């Protein structure tokens, strides 16, 4: 049976376009990771296309957790 993958890259790109949406993304990441997350900065994105018709991008987010630790999240 083929595996089904859900891709969120289009949703994340849309959220990251507007800095006001960073609160929404931080809330999503907090629920996903089970820790309070605050986004500190968004680093430059990089393309990771394997073929001409691929539309993948990788974005690194620098965030701070509820213990004051800086963490790097790759989306």
Protein backbone atom coordinates (compact mmCIF):
# COMPACT_ATOMS: atom_id res chain seq x y z
CA UNK A 1 0.00 0.00 0.00
CA UNK A 2 1.50 3.41 -0.94
CA UNK A 3 2.19 5.83 1.89
CA UNK A 4 0.36 9.14 2.04
CA UNK A 5 2.38 12.18 3.08
CA UNK A 6 0.83 15.46 4.12
CA UNK A 7 2.90 18.49 3.12
CA UNK A 8 2.64 21.75 5.00
CA UNK A 9 5.25 23.71 3.02
CA UNK A 10 2.64 25.89 1.28
CA UNK A 11 0.93 26.73 4.59
CA UNK A 12 4.20 27.54 6.37
CA UNK A 13 5.31 29.79 3.48
CA UNK A 14 2.00 31.66 3.66
CA UNK A 15 2.33 32.10 7.44
CA UNK A 16 5.93 33.31 7.22
CA UNK A 17 5.16 36.03 4.67
CA UNK A 18 3.56 38.20 7.33
CA UNK A 19 5.37 38.70 10.65
CA UNK A 20 2.01 39.10 12.42
CA UNK A 21 1.39 35.41 11.67
CA UNK A 22 4.46 34.30 13.61
CA UNK A 23 2.25 34.06 16.72
CA UNK A 24 0.08 31.48 14.92
CA UNK A 25 3.15 29.50 13.87
CA UNK A 26 4.60 29.71 17.41
CA UNK A 27 1.30 28.37 18.78
CA UNK A 28 1.33 25.50 16.30
CA UNK A 29 4.95 24.63 17.14
CA UNK A 30 4.20 24.87 20.88
CA UNK A 31 1.39 22.34 20.56
CA UNK A 32 3.44 20.10 18.30
CA UNK A 33 6.51 20.09 20.58
CA UNK A 34 4.65 20.22 23.90
CA UNK A 35 6.69 23.26 25.04
CA UNK A 36 6.06 26.99 24.90
CA UNK A 37 7.85 28.33 21.79
CA UNK A 38 8.59 31.96 20.90
CA UNK A 39 9.97 32.69 17.42
CA UNK A 40 13.09 34.85 17.54
CA UNK A 41 13.96 35.02 13.84
CA UNK A 42 13.49 33.40 10.45
CA UNK A 43 16.73 32.54 8.66
CA UNK A 44 17.20 32.58 4.90
CA UNK A 45 15.40 29.78 3.11
CA UNK A 46 17.08 27.36 0.75
CA UNK A 47 15.70 25.39 -2.13
CA UNK A 48 16.14 21.65 -2.01
CA UNK A 49 14.71 20.71 -5.39
CA UNK A 50 15.69 17.31 -6.68
CA UNK A 51 13.94 17.70 -10.04
CA UNK A 52 12.65 20.58 -12.13
CA UNK A 53 9.02 20.04 -11.08
CA UNK A 54 9.78 19.78 -7.32
CA UNK A 55 8.69 22.76 -5.23
CA UNK A 56 10.36 22.15 -1.89
CA UNK A 57 11.95 24.81 0.27
CA UNK A 58 13.61 24.55 3.62
CA UNK A 59 13.30 27.31 6.20
CA UNK A 60 15.15 27.53 9.50
CA UNK A 61 13.44 29.17 12.46
CA UNK A 62 15.37 30.30 15.52
CA UNK A 63 13.06 29.97 18.51
CA UNK A 64 13.24 30.12 22.29
CA UNK A 65 11.58 27.47 24.44
CA UNK A 66 10.03 27.90 27.88
CA UNK A 67 13.40 27.22 29.55
CA UNK A 68 15.12 30.08 27.71
CA UNK A 69 17.04 27.75 25.39
CA UNK A 70 17.49 28.77 21.76
CA UNK A 71 16.50 26.02 19.36
CA UNK A 72 16.70 25.69 15.59
CA UNK A 73 13.61 24.35 13.85
CA UNK A 74 13.84 23.29 10.22
CA UNK A 75 10.58 23.47 8.29
